[in-house]
Amino acid sequence: MTKIIVELCQNHNGNLNILEEMIHAAKDSGAEIVKIQSMLSRDLTHRKKFDTGEIDSDGSVKVLKRPYKDEYERLKKLDLDDEAHFKFIELCNKYKVIPLTTIFSRSRLNFLQKCNFKKIKVASFDCASFQMIEELAQSKFEEIIISTGCTFDDEIKKTSEILKKYNKNFSLLHCVSIYPTPINEAHLERINFLRFFTKNVGLSEHSNPAINGLKISIASLLYDPCYIERHFTILKQSDSKDGPVSINPAQLKLLIEMSKKNKNEIKEYIKTSIPEFERIKGLSSRKLSKTELLNRSYYRGRFASLDSNSNYIYNWENKSL
């Protein structure tokens, strides 16, 4: 049966009271797995080209503009420090849900192992961070769940080979790194492509529920995913940066209920309620769009570890921390 990963992301706004309310609301909606993101503002890298961005001669964006200072100040307010991680696990135990997190820098690996997370998530932009994948393959985590947005096919293949070399249990999630993801960019057929590498496949989905409801997520149930990951909020969409791609408790409850239906019931729902299904299926093999390539350029290397001389060590670099 498909399990829903409830991604709290930074929708807690750095407030532990809101974090607890989110976990409680997720549980009340039927959730089994609740996830945070183990990113720290101190690990944000300063890459000068993104301070100013770059516009091509034809007026199109060549480099995204995301000034370091503004992003650092925004993220600093949202940090979940070590104590907050232990509090998160305590709250997950209290509400009887499975705690999960995403690792964003190699320097956090040892700490996250000490937290006793059973599984760990790798963000799309680190699917090709082979050094970090190698270290995770040798870690004590029972399963590595990896999103594949903005990743090239040969990179997915190499990451899978590393994990298989260590006989590591892993899952690959199809993901389109466009925020929010429009219907015609969903390309659910990519889920079948990922089955070339592992039987454990799923979807990490970022459409805007205010526009598209749960159409992409529900349509993906026909592909028998192990996991569907959705951002989740108890706030208004406008109250957080991830709000526009986040579902609310009522939507989460509906998605969980749909995930428990049999294939014929899902087909009937799609027939009557998702006329865009053929567009949502998309292609199993495709080139990354310009938007995805721009996002890959910015987000890949957004976080790194610092050495003793305050130099960045990126997650793909074969260097000792």
Protein backbone atom coordinates (compact mmCIF):
# COMPACT_ATOMS: atom_id res chain seq x y z
CA MET A 1 0.00 0.00 0.00
CA THR A 2 1.17 3.53 -0.80
CA LYS A 3 2.48 5.50 2.18
CA ILE A 4 2.13 9.28 2.26
CA ILE A 5 5.19 11.22 3.41
CA VAL A 6 3.96 14.42 5.06
CA GLU A 7 6.65 17.01 4.41
CA LEU A 8 6.49 19.81 6.99
CA CYS A 9 9.37 21.66 5.23
CA GLN A 10 9.67 25.18 6.67
CA ASN A 11 5.93 25.68 7.05
CA HIS A 12 6.49 25.69 10.82
CA ASN A 13 8.16 29.12 10.38
CA GLY A 14 10.74 28.13 13.01
CA ASN A 15 8.06 27.89 15.71
CA LEU A 16 8.08 24.63 17.68
CA ASN A 17 4.49 25.15 18.79
CA ILE A 18 3.39 25.30 15.16
CA LEU A 19 5.58 22.25 14.48
CA GLU A 20 3.69 20.27 17.12
CA GLU A 21 0.34 21.45 15.79
CA MET A 22 1.38 20.28 12.31
CA ILE A 23 2.36 16.82 13.55
CA HIS A 24 -0.90 16.55 15.49
CA ALA A 25 -2.93 17.67 12.45
CA ALA A 26 -1.09 15.23 10.19
CA LYS A 27 -1.82 12.37 12.58
CA ASP A 28 -5.49 13.34 12.81
CA SER A 29 -5.62 13.22 9.01
CA GLY A 30 -4.32 9.64 9.04
CA ALA A 31 -0.60 10.21 8.45
CA GLU A 32 2.00 7.55 9.24
CA ILE A 33 5.21 9.36 8.21
CA VAL A 34 6.06 12.99 9.02
CA LYS A 35 9.20 14.69 7.75
CA ILE A 36 11.29 17.78 8.46
CA GLN A 37 14.24 19.21 6.57
CA SER A 38 17.63 19.15 8.28
CA MET A 39 18.98 22.28 6.63
CA LEU A 40 20.86 24.94 8.57
CA SER A 41 21.41 28.53 7.48
CA ARG A 42 25.08 28.24 8.42
CA ASP A 43 25.52 25.68 5.62
CA LEU A 44 24.09 28.01 2.96
CA THR A 45 26.75 28.72 0.34
CA HIS A 46 27.55 32.17 -0.99
CA ARG A 47 27.86 31.99 -4.77
CA LYS A 48 28.20 35.52 -6.07
CA LYS A 49 26.56 34.97 -9.46
CA PHE A 50 23.21 34.43 -7.72
CA ASP A 51 23.45 37.74 -5.85
CA THR A 52 22.80 39.60 -9.08
CA GLY A 53 21.49 36.92 -11.42
CA GLU A 54 21.96 37.22 -15.17
CA ILE A 55 19.63 38.08 -18.02
CA ASP A 56 20.41 36.90 -21.56
CA SER A 57 20.47 39.27 -24.55
CA ASP A 58 16.95 38.15 -25.51
CA GLY A 59 15.61 39.07 -22.07
CA SER A 60 15.37 35.51 -20.73
CA VAL A 61 16.81 34.47 -17.39
CA LYS A 62 20.26 32.90 -17.64
CA VAL A 63 21.06 32.77 -13.90
CA LEU A 64 18.47 33.03 -11.11
CA LYS A 65 18.69 36.01 -8.77
CA ARG A 66 18.67 34.77 -5.18
CA PRO A 67 20.88 37.11 -3.08
CA TYR A 68 22.78 35.26 -0.37
CA LYS A 69 22.15 37.83 2.36
CA ASP A 70 18.37 37.79 1.88
CA GLU A 71 18.24 34.00 1.73
CA TYR A 72 20.47 33.62 4.79
CA GLU A 73 18.31 35.99 6.85
CA ARG A 74 15.15 34.16 5.76
CA LEU A 75 16.53 30.70 6.57
CA LYS A 76 18.10 31.74 9.87
CA LYS A 77 14.62 32.30 11.31
CA LEU A 78 13.57 28.81 10.23
CA ASP A 79 16.49 26.76 11.57
CA LEU A 80 15.70 23.59 13.50
CA ASP A 81 18.79 23.10 15.66
CA ASP A 82 19.92 19.86 17.30
CA GLU A 83 17.61 20.32 20.27
CA ALA A 84 14.67 20.91 17.92
CA HIS A 85 15.47 17.65 16.10
CA PHE A 86 15.23 15.70 19.35
CA LYS A 87 12.00 17.55 20.14
CA PHE A 88 10.63 16.60 16.71
CA ILE A 89 11.37 12.92 17.32
CA GLU A 90 9.80 13.16 20.78
CA LEU A 91 6.65 14.69 19.27
CA CYS A 92 6.50 12.02 16.55
CA ASN A 93 6.64 9.36 19.27
CA LYS A 94 3.95 11.21 21.21
CA TYR A 95 1.58 11.23 18.20
CA LYS A 96 2.67 7.78 17.01
CA VAL A 97 3.99 8.71 13.58
CA ILE A 98 7.31 7.76 11.97
CA PRO A 99 9.87 10.62 11.98
CA LEU A 100 11.81 11.28 8.79
CA THR A 101 14.18 14.01 7.65
CA THR A 102 16.06 15.22 4.58
CA ILE A 103 19.83 15.62 4.77
CA PHE A 104 21.27 18.70 3.02
CA SER A 105 24.96 18.57 3.92
CA ARG A 106 27.41 15.76 4.62
CA SER A 107 28.42 17.40 7.90
CA ARG A 108 25.00 16.50 9.36
CA LEU A 109 25.27 12.77 8.65
CA ASN A 110 26.75 11.68 11.97
CA PHE A 111 24.30 13.76 13.98
CA LEU A 112 21.29 12.43 12.08
CA GLN A 113 22.48 8.86 12.67
CA LYS A 114 22.65 9.62 16.40
CA CYS A 115 19.04 10.81 16.24
CA ASN A 116 18.10 7.22 15.32
CA PHE A 117 16.04 8.04 12.25
CA LYS A 118 15.29 4.68 10.62
CA LYS A 119 15.08 6.14 7.12
CA ILE A 120 16.53 9.26 5.55
CA LYS A 121 15.57 11.35 2.53
CA VAL A 122 17.91 12.83 -0.09
CA ALA A 123 16.69 15.93 -1.95
CA SER A 124 16.60 15.93 -5.74
CA PHE A 125 19.60 18.20 -6.06
CA ASP A 126 21.76 15.69 -4.19
CA CYS A 127 20.70 12.63 -6.17
CA ALA A 128 23.97 13.09 -8.08
CA SER A 129 26.07 13.95 -5.00
CA PHE A 130 27.87 10.64 -5.28
CA GLN A 131 30.23 11.17 -2.33
CA MET A 132 27.30 11.76 0.01
CA ILE A 133 25.41 8.84 -1.54
CA GLU A 134 28.44 6.63 -0.90
CA GLU A 135 28.53 7.69 2.75
CA LEU A 136 24.80 7.17 3.15
CA ALA A 137 25.14 3.72 1.56
CA GLN A 138 27.51 2.81 4.40
CA SER A 139 25.39 4.41 7.13
CA LYS A 140 23.10 2.65 9.59
CA PHE A 141 19.90 4.04 8.02
CA GLU A 142 17.62 1.19 7.00
CA GLU A 143 16.40 2.91 3.83
CA ILE A 144 17.52 5.82 1.65
CA ILE A 145 14.69 7.65 -0.14
CA ILE A 146 15.91 9.77 -3.04
CA SER A 147 14.07 12.34 -5.14
CA THR A 148 15.17 12.57 -8.76
CA GLY A 149 14.03 16.03 -9.90
CA CYS A 150 16.49 17.92 -12.14
CA THR A 151 18.65 14.79 -12.34
CA PHE A 152 19.98 13.29 -15.56
CA ASP A 153 19.31 9.63 -16.32
CA ASP A 154 22.97 8.61 -16.12
CA GLU A 155 23.20 10.22 -12.66
CA ILE A 156 20.20 8.21 -11.42
CA LYS A 157 21.86 5.07 -12.80
CA LYS A 158 25.16 5.78 -11.02
CA THR A 159 23.48 6.56 -7.70
CA SER A 160 21.52 3.30 -7.95
CA GLU A 161 24.73 1.38 -8.67
CA ILE A 162 26.43 2.83 -5.59
CA LEU A 163 23.53 1.83 -3.33
CA LYS A 164 23.33 -1.64 -4.85
CA LYS A 165 27.06 -2.10 -4.34
CA TYR A 166 26.46 -1.85 -0.59
CA ASN A 167 23.18 -3.82 -0.73
CA LYS A 168 21.39 -0.77 0.62
CA ASN A 169 17.61 -0.64 0.60
CA PHE A 170 16.56 2.43 -1.37
CA SER A 171 13.60 4.07 -3.08
CA LEU A 172 13.55 6.54 -5.98
CA LEU A 173 10.87 9.23 -6.18
CA HIS A 174 9.93 10.87 -9.45
CA CYS A 175 9.97 14.61 -9.00
CA VAL A 176 9.60 17.67 -11.20
CA SER A 177 11.53 20.56 -9.69
CA ILE A 178 9.23 23.32 -10.89
CA TYR A 179 7.51 25.15 -8.04
CA PRO A 180 4.58 24.88 -8.43
CA THR A 181 4.45 22.06 -10.99
CA PRO A 182 1.82 22.57 -13.73
CA ILE A 183 -0.32 19.66 -14.93
CA ASN A 184 1.43 19.36 -18.29
CA GLU A 185 4.85 18.96 -16.62
CA ALA A 186 3.91 16.10 -14.27
CA HIS A 187 5.28 13.27 -16.49
CA LEU A 188 4.10 10.42 -14.26
CA GLU A 189 5.42 7.92 -16.81
CA ARG A 190 8.83 8.63 -15.28
CA ILE A 191 7.76 6.49 -12.33
CA ASN A 192 7.87 3.45 -14.63
CA PHE A 193 11.30 4.54 -15.89
CA LEU A 194 12.63 4.50 -12.31
CA ARG A 195 11.61 0.84 -12.03
CA PHE A 196 14.61 0.00 -14.21
CA PHE A 197 16.72 0.76 -11.12
CA THR A 198 14.57 -0.43 -8.21
CA LYS A 199 11.13 -1.84 -7.53
CA ASN A 200 10.69 0.77 -4.79
CA VAL A 201 9.47 3.88 -6.59
CA GLY A 202 7.21 6.80 -5.83
CA LEU A 203 6.44 10.48 -6.31
CA SER A 204 7.48 13.74 -4.69
CA GLU A 205 4.90 16.26 -5.87
CA HIS A 206 4.84 20.07 -5.92
CA SER A 207 1.68 21.18 -7.71
CA ASN A 208 -0.47 23.99 -6.31
CA PRO A 209 -3.53 22.37 -4.67
CA ALA A 210 -5.47 25.63 -4.93
CA ILE A 211 -5.23 25.31 -8.72
CA ASN A 212 -4.95 21.56 -9.41
CA GLY A 213 -6.30 19.98 -6.24
CA LEU A 214 -4.80 16.51 -5.75
CA LYS A 215 -5.05 15.48 -9.39
CA ILE A 216 -1.38 14.61 -9.96
CA SER A 217 -1.00 12.78 -6.66
CA ILE A 218 -4.20 10.75 -7.10
CA ALA A 219 -3.34 9.95 -10.74
CA SER A 220 0.02 8.61 -9.58
CA LEU A 221 -1.77 5.92 -7.53
CA LEU A 222 -2.31 3.99 -10.77
CA TYR A 223 1.47 3.48 -10.84
CA ASP A 224 1.48 1.65 -7.48
CA PRO A 225 3.98 4.00 -5.78
CA CYS A 226 5.56 2.99 -2.49
CA TYR A 227 5.52 6.63 -1.42
CA ILE A 228 3.86 9.90 -2.30
CA GLU A 229 5.49 12.92 -0.68
CA ARG A 230 3.51 16.15 -0.32
CA HIS A 231 4.32 19.42 1.42
CA PHE A 232 1.86 20.09 4.24
CA THR A 233 0.67 23.18 6.07
CA ILE A 234 -1.86 24.24 8.68
CA LEU A 235 -1.38 27.91 7.77
CA LYS A 236 -2.70 29.99 4.89
CA GLN A 237 -0.85 29.44 1.60
CA SER A 238 0.48 33.00 1.83
CA ASP A 239 1.95 32.52 5.32
CA SER A 240 5.08 30.63 4.23
CA LYS A 241 7.31 30.30 1.19
CA ASP A 242 6.28 26.67 0.62
CA GLY A 243 2.60 27.40 1.19
CA PRO A 244 1.61 27.48 -2.51
CA VAL A 245 2.76 23.87 -3.01
CA SER A 246 1.41 22.56 0.30
CA ILE A 247 -1.77 20.64 1.03
CA ASN A 248 -3.93 21.25 4.10
CA PRO A 249 -5.27 18.68 6.62
CA ALA A 250 -8.52 18.05 4.69
CA GLN A 251 -6.59 17.46 1.46
CA LEU A 252 -4.13 15.19 3.24
CA LYS A 253 -7.00 13.15 4.67
CA LEU A 254 -8.52 12.78 1.19
CA LEU A 255 -5.20 11.71 -0.32
CA ILE A 256 -4.67 9.10 2.39
CA GLU A 257 -8.21 7.79 1.89
CA MET A 258 -7.65 7.57 -1.88
CA SER A 259 -4.36 5.72 -1.34
CA LYS A 260 -6.29 2.94 0.40
CA LYS A 261 -8.74 2.37 -2.45
CA ASN A 262 -8.36 -0.49 -4.91
CA LYS A 263 -7.20 0.02 -8.48
CA ASN A 264 -10.69 -0.10 -10.00
CA GLU A 265 -11.97 2.57 -7.61
CA ILE A 266 -9.01 4.79 -8.45
CA LYS A 267 -9.58 4.30 -12.19
CA GLU A 268 -13.22 5.26 -11.80
CA TYR A 269 -12.29 8.39 -9.83
CA ILE A 270 -9.77 9.40 -12.48
CA LYS A 271 -12.32 8.79 -15.25
CA THR A 272 -14.87 11.08 -13.62
CA SER A 273 -12.69 13.65 -11.87
CA ILE A 274 -9.35 13.97 -13.71
CA PRO A 275 -10.01 14.71 -17.39
CA GLU A 276 -6.37 15.83 -17.74
CA PHE A 277 -5.06 12.33 -16.98
CA GLU A 278 -3.44 11.78 -20.41
CA ARG A 279 -1.58 15.08 -20.07
CA ILE A 280 -0.53 14.19 -16.53
CA LYS A 281 0.98 10.88 -17.70
CA GLY A 282 3.46 12.70 -19.92
CA LEU A 283 6.69 11.03 -21.04
CA SER A 284 8.97 8.39 -19.52
CA SER A 285 12.00 9.90 -21.26
CA ARG A 286 12.43 13.66 -21.59
CA LYS A 287 14.91 16.49 -21.48
CA LEU A 288 14.88 18.86 -18.53
CA SER A 289 13.03 22.10 -19.20
CA LYS A 290 14.76 25.48 -19.03
CA THR A 291 13.08 26.16 -15.68
CA GLU A 292 14.41 22.90 -14.27
CA LEU A 293 17.91 23.61 -15.53
CA LEU A 294 17.84 27.05 -13.89
CA ASN A 295 16.69 25.48 -10.63
CA ARG A 296 19.34 22.77 -10.88
CA SER A 297 22.02 25.43 -11.30
CA TYR A 298 20.88 27.25 -8.16
CA TYR A 299 19.85 24.44 -5.81
CA ARG A 300 22.68 22.00 -6.58
CA GLY A 301 25.37 23.26 -4.23
CA ARG A 302 23.04 25.54 -2.30
CA PHE A 303 24.20 23.85 0.92
CA ALA A 304 27.66 22.52 1.74
CA SER A 305 29.90 21.67 4.69
CA LEU A 306 32.58 23.99 5.98
CA ASP A 307 36.16 22.85 6.63
CA SER A 308 38.42 24.26 9.36
CA ASN A 309 39.42 27.12 7.06
CA SER A 310 35.78 28.02 6.31
CA ASN A 311 35.99 26.66 2.77
CA TYR A 312 32.95 24.94 1.31
CA ILE A 313 33.05 21.18 0.73
CA TYR A 314 30.21 20.30 -1.60
CA ASN A 315 28.26 17.09 -1.15
CA TRP A 316 29.71 15.59 -4.32
CA GLU A 317 33.36 16.33 -3.51
CA ASN A 318 35.61 13.46 -2.50
CA LYS A 319 37.16 15.39 0.38
CA SER A 320 37.32 14.62 4.08
CA LEU A 321 35.26 16.87 6.31
